[in-house]
C-alpha atoms as a PDB file:
ATOM      1  CA  UNK A   1      23.631  54.853-117.994  1.00  0.00           C
ATOM      2  CA  UNK A   2      24.490  51.539-116.580  1.00  0.00           C
ATOM      3  CA  UNK A   3      21.073  50.849-114.493  1.00  0.00           C
ATOM      4  CA  UNK A   4      17.444  52.517-114.470  1.00  0.00           C
ATOM      5  CA  UNK A   5      15.392  52.768-111.389  1.00  0.00           C
ATOM      6  CA  UNK A   6      12.353  51.746-111.324  1.00  0.00           C
ATOM      7  CA  UNK A   7       9.600  53.868-109.027  1.00  0.00           C
ATOM      8  CA  UNK A   8       5.827  53.963-108.192  1.00  0.00           C
ATOM      9  CA  UNK A   9       4.934  57.804-107.514  1.00  0.00           C
ATOM     10  CA  UNK A  10       1.349  58.052-105.958  1.00  0.00           C
ATOM     11  CA  UNK A  11      -0.022  61.540-106.184  1.00  0.00           C
ATOM     12  CA  UNK A  12      -3.150  62.945-104.122  1.00  0.00           C
ATOM     13  CA  UNK A  13      -6.515  62.875-105.431  1.00  0.00           C
ATOM     14  CA  UNK A  14      -7.724  65.916-106.771  1.00  0.00           C
ATOM     15  CA  UNK A  15     -10.163  67.726-105.691  1.00  0.00           C
ATOM     16  CA  UNK A  16     -10.769  65.102-103.364  1.00  0.00           C
ATOM     17  CA  UNK A  17      -8.386  62.497-101.755  1.00  0.00           C
ATOM     18  CA  UNK A  18     -10.028  59.185-101.820  1.00  0.00           C
ATOM     19  CA  UNK A  19      -8.508  56.269-102.054  1.00  0.00           C
ATOM     20  CA  UNK A  20      -9.869  55.445-105.364  1.00  0.00           C
ATOM     21  CA  UNK A  21      -8.930  59.056-106.624  1.00  0.00           C
ATOM     22  CA  UNK A  22      -5.123  58.804-106.156  1.00  0.00           C
ATOM     23  CA  UNK A  23      -3.109  58.910-108.985  1.00  0.00           C
ATOM     24  CA  UNK A  24      -0.320  56.092-109.080  1.00  0.00           C
ATOM     25  CA  UNK A  25       2.195  55.598-112.800  1.00  0.00           C
ATOM     26  CA  UNK A  26       5.486  53.825-112.965  1.00  0.00           C
ATOM     27  CA  UNK A  27       8.830  56.273-113.427  1.00  0.00           C
ATOM     28  CA  UNK A  28      12.108  55.000-115.019  1.00  0.00           C
ATOM     29  CA  UNK A  29      14.464  57.416-113.287  1.00  0.00           C
ATOM     30  CA  UNK A  30      17.974  57.348-115.415  1.00  0.00           C
ATOM     31  CA  UNK A  31      20.704  59.974-116.221  1.00  0.00           C
ATOM     32  CA  UNK A  32      19.414  62.202-114.241  1.00  0.00           C
ATOM     33  CA  UNK A  33      15.896  62.337-116.064  1.00  0.00           C
ATOM     34  CA  UNK A  34      12.829  60.601-114.709  1.00  0.00           C
ATOM     35  CA  UNK A  35       9.697  59.357-117.592  1.00  0.00           C
ATOM     36  CA  UNK A  36       6.786  58.212-116.089  1.00  0.00           C
ATOM     37  CA  UNK A  37       4.231  55.569-117.328  1.00  0.00           C
ATOM     38  CA  UNK A  38       0.846  55.866-116.402  1.00  0.00           C
ATOM     39  CA  UNK A  39      -2.814  56.018-117.738  1.00  0.00           C
ATOM     40  CA  UNK A  40      -4.727  59.031-118.050  1.00  0.00           C
ATOM     41  CA  UNK A  41      -8.319  60.107-119.061  1.00  0.00           C
ATOM     42  CA  UNK A  42     -11.392  59.308-117.445  1.00  0.00           C
ATOM     43  CA  UNK A  43     -13.048  55.943-116.587  1.00  0.00           C
ATOM     44  CA  UNK A  44     -13.571  54.212-119.568  1.00  0.00           C
ATOM     45  CA  UNK A  45     -11.763  56.063-121.793  1.00  0.00           C
ATOM     46  CA  UNK A  46      -8.314  55.550-120.202  1.00  0.00           C
ATOM     47  CA  UNK A  47      -5.076  55.550-122.548  1.00  0.00           C
ATOM     48  CA  UNK A  48      -1.502  54.942-122.086  1.00  0.00           C
ATOM     49  CA  UNK A  49       0.879  57.486-121.688  1.00  0.00           C
ATOM     50  CA  UNK A  50       4.360  58.173-121.776  1.00  0.00           C
ATOM     51  CA  UNK A  51       6.524  61.123-121.136  1.00  0.00           C
ATOM     52  CA  UNK A  52       9.201  63.092-119.830  1.00  0.00           C
ATOM     53  CA  UNK A  53       8.720  64.752-116.489  1.00  0.00           C
ATOM     54  CA  UNK A  54      10.010  68.375-116.803  1.00  0.00           C
ATOM     55  CA  UNK A  55       9.271  68.243-112.775  1.00  0.00           C
ATOM     56  CA  UNK A  56      10.903  65.757-110.787  1.00  0.00           C
ATOM     57  CA  UNK A  57       8.063  63.839-109.364  1.00  0.00           C
ATOM     58  CA  UNK A  58       9.558  64.522-105.987  1.00  0.00           C
ATOM     59  CA  UNK A  59       9.206  68.088-106.293  1.00  0.00           C
ATOM     60  CA  UNK A  60       5.660  67.642-107.344  1.00  0.00           C
ATOM     61  CA  UNK A  61       3.071  69.601-105.316  1.00  0.00           C
ATOM     62  CA  UNK A  62       0.464  66.748-105.659  1.00  0.00           C
ATOM     63  CA  UNK A  63       3.049  63.993-104.611  1.00  0.00           C
ATOM     64  CA  UNK A  64       1.411  61.814-101.564  1.00  0.00           C
ATOM     65  CA  UNK A  65       3.719  61.732 -98.535  1.00  0.00           C
ATOM     66  CA  UNK A  66       5.668  58.600 -99.019  1.00  0.00           C
ATOM     67  CA  UNK A  67       4.417  59.053-102.290  1.00  0.00           C
ATOM     68  CA  UNK A  68       7.864  57.567-103.877  1.00  0.00           C
ATOM     69  CA  UNK A  69       7.806  53.577-103.844  1.00  0.00           C
ATOM     70  CA  UNK A  70      11.072  51.933-104.402  1.00  0.00           C
ATOM     71  CA  UNK A  71      10.321  49.189-106.905  1.00  0.00           C
ATOM     72  CA  UNK A  72      13.999  47.880-108.280  1.00  0.00           C
ATOM     73  CA  UNK A  73      17.319  48.213-110.462  1.00  0.00           C
ATOM     74  CA  UNK A  74      17.579  47.187-113.693  1.00  0.00           C
ATOM     75  CA  UNK A  75      20.408  47.037-116.085  1.00  0.00           C
ATOM     76  CA  UNK A  76      20.232  49.776-118.681  1.00  0.00           C
ATOM     77  CA  UNK A  77      20.085  47.596-121.528  1.00  0.00           C
ATOM     78  CA  UNK A  78      16.692  46.081-120.573  1.00  0.00           C
ATOM     79  CA  UNK A  79      14.989  49.703-120.178  1.00  0.00           C
ATOM     80  CA  UNK A  80      13.336  49.508-123.768  1.00  0.00           C
ATOM     81  CA  UNK A  81      11.876  45.802-123.117  1.00  0.00           C
ATOM     82  CA  UNK A  82      10.432  47.086-119.827  1.00  0.00           C
ATOM     83  CA  UNK A  83       9.305  50.584-121.616  1.00  0.00           C
ATOM     84  CA  UNK A  84       7.659  48.328-123.940  1.00  0.00           C
ATOM     85  CA  UNK A  85       5.822  45.490-121.500  1.00  0.00           C
ATOM     86  CA  UNK A  86       4.082  48.709-119.644  1.00  0.00           C
ATOM     87  CA  UNK A  87       2.698  50.295-122.834  1.00  0.00           C
ATOM     88  CA  UNK A  88       1.511  47.007-124.089  1.00  0.00           C
ATOM     89  CA  UNK A  89      -0.297  46.276-120.815  1.00  0.00           C
ATOM     90  CA  UNK A  90      -4.407  45.592-121.174  1.00  0.00           C
ATOM     91  CA  UNK A  91      -6.159  49.028-120.033  1.00  0.00           C
ATOM     92  CA  UNK A  92      -9.399  47.518-118.909  1.00  0.00           C
ATOM     93  CA  UNK A  93     -12.066  50.485-120.002  1.00  0.00           C
ATOM     94  CA  UNK A  94     -14.767  47.621-119.210  1.00  0.00           C
ATOM     95  CA  UNK A  95     -14.488  47.385-115.961  1.00  0.00           C
ATOM     96  CA  UNK A  96     -15.727  50.395-113.865  1.00  0.00           C
ATOM     97  CA  UNK A  97     -13.791  49.553-110.614  1.00  0.00           C
ATOM     98  CA  UNK A  98     -10.115  49.556-112.702  1.00  0.00           C
ATOM     99  CA  UNK A  99      -8.276  52.235-112.850  1.00  0.00           C
ATOM    100  CA  UNK A 100      -4.386  53.195-112.801  1.00  0.00           C
ATOM    101  CA  UNK A 101      -3.681  51.615-109.508  1.00  0.00           C
ATOM    102  CA  UNK A 102      -4.622  48.451-111.380  1.00  0.00           C
ATOM    103  CA  UNK A 103      -2.542  49.171-114.336  1.00  0.00           C
ATOM    104  CA  UNK A 104       0.812  49.817-112.210  1.00  0.00           C
ATOM    105  CA  UNK A 105      -0.367  46.417-110.861  1.00  0.00           C
ATOM    106  CA  UNK A 106      -0.706  44.375-113.821  1.00  0.00           C
ATOM    107  CA  UNK A 107       2.339  46.227-115.819  1.00  0.00           C
ATOM    108  CA  UNK A 108       4.604  45.119-112.769  1.00  0.00           C
ATOM    109  CA  UNK A 109       3.268  41.560-112.971  1.00  0.00           C
ATOM    110  CA  UNK A 110       4.051  41.715-116.329  1.00  0.00           C
ATOM    111  CA  UNK A 111       7.460  42.176-115.669  1.00  0.00           C
ATOM    112  CA  UNK A 112       7.837  39.766-113.587  1.00  0.00           C
ATOM    113  CA  UNK A 113       6.984  37.146-115.858  1.00  0.00           C
ATOM    114  CA  UNK A 114       9.352  38.719-118.324  1.00  0.00           C
ATOM    115  CA  UNK A 115      12.029  38.059-115.553  1.00  0.00           C
ATOM    116  CA  UNK A 116      12.868  41.772-114.991  1.00  0.00           C
ATOM    117  CA  UNK A 117      12.094  42.330-111.748  1.00  0.00           C
ATOM    118  CA  UNK A 118      11.411  39.580-109.175  1.00  0.00           C
ATOM    119  CA  UNK A 119       8.092  38.402-107.338  1.00  0.00           C
ATOM    120  CA  UNK A 120       9.289  39.551-104.099  1.00  0.00           C
ATOM    121  CA  UNK A 121       9.909  43.520-105.776  1.00  0.00           C
ATOM    122  CA  UNK A 122       6.862  43.068-106.922  1.00  0.00           C
ATOM    123  CA  UNK A 123       4.752  42.025-103.601  1.00  0.00           C
ATOM    124  CA  UNK A 124       6.906  44.720-101.886  1.00  0.00           C
ATOM    125  CA  UNK A 125       6.345  47.506-103.946  1.00  0.00           C
ATOM    126  CA  UNK A 126       2.282  46.757-104.054  1.00  0.00           C
ATOM    127  CA  UNK A 127       2.538  46.489-100.656  1.00  0.00           C
ATOM    128  CA  UNK A 128       4.199  49.600-100.409  1.00  0.00           C
ATOM    129  CA  UNK A 129       1.837  51.254-102.701  1.00  0.00           C
ATOM    130  CA  UNK A 130      -1.521  50.371-100.813  1.00  0.00           C
ATOM    131  CA  UNK A 131       0.147  51.439 -97.668  1.00  0.00           C
ATOM    132  CA  UNK A 132       0.614  54.896 -99.348  1.00  0.00           C
ATOM    133  CA  UNK A 133      -3.001  54.641-100.723  1.00  0.00           C
ATOM    134  CA  UNK A 134      -4.495  54.027 -97.460  1.00  0.00           C
ATOM    135  CA  UNK A 135      -3.138  57.476 -96.124  1.00  0.00           C
ATOM    136  CA  UNK A 136      -5.894  59.214 -98.463  1.00  0.00           C
ATOM    137  CA  UNK A 137      -7.039  62.665 -96.436  1.00  0.00           C
ATOM    138  CA  UNK A 138     -10.769  61.841 -97.430  1.00  0.00           C
ATOM    139  CA  UNK A 139     -13.091  59.359 -96.513  1.00  0.00           C
ATOM    140  CA  UNK A 140     -15.172  58.142 -99.357  1.00  0.00           C
ATOM    141  CA  UNK A 141     -19.055  57.887 -99.198  1.00  0.00           C
END
């Protein structure tokens, strides 16, 4: 493995596809496999989870249209540092409106501070993620 591709995956909300219910996670793609780094659980009880994907993200039935957002490519030697940075990103279980979408932004912002990705890559990825989120099919009350 010479490099790792960093992606954001955006999944449709379930049972309703509200913007706030769309799930996001960071995907690392290398050597023909994908690893997702994300938070799971209910509001106020989120926990970090990292898992090897059995089904590629692009083959998920829940993937939103245009739900794969490119972030960057990093050297393979930086994968452990990147995973550690994401895993140690603060999970804000105190704030009611904070969710997995915020987690992705916070984790990638930390990757910028560690000089693993550029600020432009961060801003472009967040902008593209927001575009996919805004395409949710249900309107929140």
